[in-house]
Protein backbone atom coordinates (compact mmCIF):
# COMPACT_ATOMS: atom_id res chain seq x y z
CA MET A 1 108.34 77.77 43.77
CA ASN A 2 104.78 78.09 41.58
CA PHE A 3 101.73 77.28 43.83
CA GLY A 4 99.11 74.98 41.98
CA PHE A 5 97.94 71.35 42.07
CA SER A 6 100.80 68.68 41.04
CA TYR A 7 99.28 65.86 39.51
CA VAL A 8 102.78 64.44 39.63
CA GLY A 9 102.37 64.83 43.97
CA LEU A 10 99.07 62.82 44.27
CA ILE A 11 100.30 60.17 41.93
CA TYR A 12 103.21 59.61 44.34
CA LEU A 13 100.83 59.67 47.63
CA ILE A 14 98.66 57.61 45.74
CA MET A 15 101.45 55.19 45.02
CA LEU A 16 102.35 55.28 48.81
CA MET A 17 99.06 55.09 50.46
CA THR A 18 97.66 52.38 48.62
CA PRO A 19 99.84 49.40 49.93
CA ASN A 20 99.72 50.97 53.53
CA ILE A 21 95.81 50.85 53.67
CA ILE A 22 96.38 47.13 52.33
CA TRP A 23 99.11 46.76 54.94
CA SER A 24 96.75 48.03 57.53
CA LYS A 25 94.71 44.25 57.23
CA ASN A 26 98.13 42.35 56.84
CA GLN A 27 100.14 43.74 59.47
CA PRO A 28 103.41 41.34 60.39
CA LYS A 29 103.33 38.79 63.64
CA ASP A 30 103.69 40.32 66.40
CA TYR A 31 103.66 43.67 65.29
CA ASP A 32 101.49 45.11 67.82
CA LYS A 33 104.52 44.19 70.71
CA TYR A 34 107.27 46.53 68.55
CA VAL A 35 105.07 49.73 68.55
CA GLY A 36 104.70 50.87 72.10
CA ASN A 37 108.43 50.72 72.09
CA GLU A 38 108.52 53.39 69.68
CA ASN A 39 110.61 56.63 70.58
CA LYS A 40 108.30 59.57 70.87
CA THR A 41 110.75 61.73 69.28
CA LEU A 42 111.02 59.95 65.86
CA LEU A 43 107.65 59.58 66.27
CA MET A 44 106.61 63.28 66.11
CA LEU A 45 109.43 63.81 63.55
CA GLU A 46 107.64 61.18 61.38
CA ARG A 47 104.34 62.79 61.81
CA ALA A 48 105.06 66.08 61.39
CA GLY A 49 107.39 64.93 58.25
CA GLU A 50 104.28 62.91 56.77
CA VAL A 51 101.99 66.04 56.82
CA LEU A 52 104.40 68.47 55.70
CA THR A 53 105.27 65.95 52.65
CA SER A 54 101.80 65.10 52.17
CA ALA A 55 100.82 68.98 51.94
CA LEU A 56 103.77 70.28 50.01
CA CYS A 57 103.95 67.50 47.18
CA LEU A 58 100.35 68.34 46.37
CA ILE A 59 100.48 72.18 46.31
CA PHE A 60 103.35 73.08 44.24
CA SER A 61 103.12 72.74 40.57
CA ASP A 62 107.03 72.22 40.17
CA PHE A 63 106.55 68.71 40.31
CA ASN A 64 104.53 68.44 37.47
CA ILE A 65 106.30 66.93 34.04
CA GLY A 66 107.65 70.18 32.16
CA SER A 67 109.85 69.89 28.88
CA ILE A 68 112.15 66.79 29.36
CA ARG A 69 115.73 67.54 30.15
CA LEU A 70 118.75 66.62 31.45
CA TRP A 71 117.02 68.03 35.05
CA SER A 72 114.20 65.64 34.59
CA LEU A 73 116.48 62.58 35.19
CA TRP A 74 115.82 63.63 38.95
CA LEU A 75 112.25 62.78 38.62
CA LEU A 76 113.07 59.86 36.56
CA VAL A 77 114.94 58.31 39.12
CA SER A 78 112.59 59.32 41.98
CA PHE A 79 109.50 57.47 40.05
CA LEU A 80 111.81 54.66 39.56
CA LEU A 81 112.59 54.45 43.63
CA MET A 82 108.47 55.09 43.81
CA ILE A 83 107.91 51.76 41.34
CA LEU A 84 110.86 49.53 43.31
CA TYR A 85 108.71 50.61 46.39
CA GLU A 86 105.76 48.83 44.78
CA VAL A 87 107.99 45.88 43.84
CA TYR A 88 108.88 45.74 47.91
CA TRP A 89 105.26 45.39 48.60
CA VAL A 90 104.31 43.29 46.72
CA ARG A 91 107.16 40.75 48.05
CA TYR A 92 105.73 41.75 51.67
CA PHE A 93 102.44 40.50 50.68
CA LYS A 94 103.14 37.61 49.37
CA SER A 95 105.50 36.76 52.11
CA GLU A 96 104.66 34.94 55.55
CA LYS A 97 104.36 38.52 56.88
CA THR A 98 106.71 38.73 59.48
CA MET A 99 108.81 41.66 61.30
CA ALA A 100 111.82 40.29 59.12
CA ASP A 101 109.56 40.45 55.84
CA MET A 102 108.38 44.21 57.16
CA TYR A 103 111.84 45.37 57.39
CA SER A 104 113.64 44.20 54.79
CA SER A 105 115.91 45.01 52.62
CA ILE A 106 115.83 44.69 48.32
CA LEU A 107 118.45 45.61 46.28
CA GLY A 108 120.66 46.11 49.02
CA ILE A 109 118.66 49.17 50.17
CA PRO A 110 118.07 48.71 54.06
CA VAL A 111 114.42 48.83 55.35
CA ALA A 112 113.47 49.52 51.73
CA GLY A 113 109.95 49.97 52.97
CA ALA A 114 111.06 53.09 54.98
CA THR A 115 113.89 54.45 52.41
CA LEU A 116 112.24 54.29 49.36
CA PRO A 117 109.47 56.40 49.53
CA VAL A 118 112.08 58.80 51.69
CA ALA A 119 114.82 58.40 48.96
CA ALA A 120 111.67 59.30 46.23
CA PHE A 121 109.79 62.19 47.90
CA PHE A 122 113.37 63.80 48.46
CA LEU A 123 114.71 63.33 44.93
CA LEU A 124 111.33 64.61 43.72
CA GLY A 125 112.04 67.76 46.26
CA ILE A 126 115.36 68.18 44.26
CA TYR A 127 113.64 68.03 40.44
CA GLY A 128 111.31 70.50 41.75
CA ARG A 129 113.58 72.76 43.51
CA ASN A 130 111.79 72.96 46.29
CA ILE A 131 113.48 73.54 49.61
CA PRO A 132 110.54 73.28 51.87
CA LEU A 133 109.52 69.98 50.70
CA ILE A 134 113.27 68.71 50.95
CA ILE A 135 113.39 70.04 54.76
CA SER A 136 109.86 67.71 55.50
CA VAL A 137 111.12 65.11 53.55
CA ILE A 138 114.38 64.89 55.79
CA ILE A 139 112.60 65.70 59.05
CA LEU A 140 110.01 62.49 57.85
CA GLY A 141 113.22 60.36 56.93
CA ILE A 142 114.54 61.49 60.65
CA GLY A 143 111.64 59.94 61.77
CA HIS A 144 110.71 57.30 59.50
CA ILE A 145 113.77 55.06 58.59
CA GLY A 146 114.43 56.02 62.11
CA ILE A 147 111.46 54.03 63.82
CA HIS A 148 111.85 51.30 61.26
CA LEU A 149 115.47 50.86 62.09
CA ALA A 150 114.88 50.53 65.22
CA HIS A 151 112.03 47.73 64.64
CA LYS A 152 114.82 45.67 62.87
CA ASN A 153 117.31 46.03 65.37
CA GLU A 154 114.79 44.62 68.19
CA ILE A 155 113.96 41.44 66.06
CA LYS A 156 117.89 40.70 65.75
């Protein structure tokens, strides 16, 4: 693990945050009803994972593109998941913006809005051989995906 700025981490964070900022003005109908029911433990894990993941993906240069080799496939798959995450958001913003739209799947990936970025950052951690990022993403995933699955179950 090498300390240093990661432009790849910055790109991932921009890809993550841009649709979320737009979403803040385009929340699904009745979203406020569901937020109050969130499990506090999952919420704490989600917040801790967000902070750790955001910081760690920026401060290690291991995520930057080096020589292209077979190991680079981890980064490629990770980036493709982030592209699919952007596709998910385009589909959501073009939808009716219901809770079902928010917690929909894409290509069979459940609660894609939560699962895709968690999987992408996890694979980024593998690519960079960065155990702290992998652990922080697992913490994030438990909280974030857990909350999204709970919301999806509530709307049924």
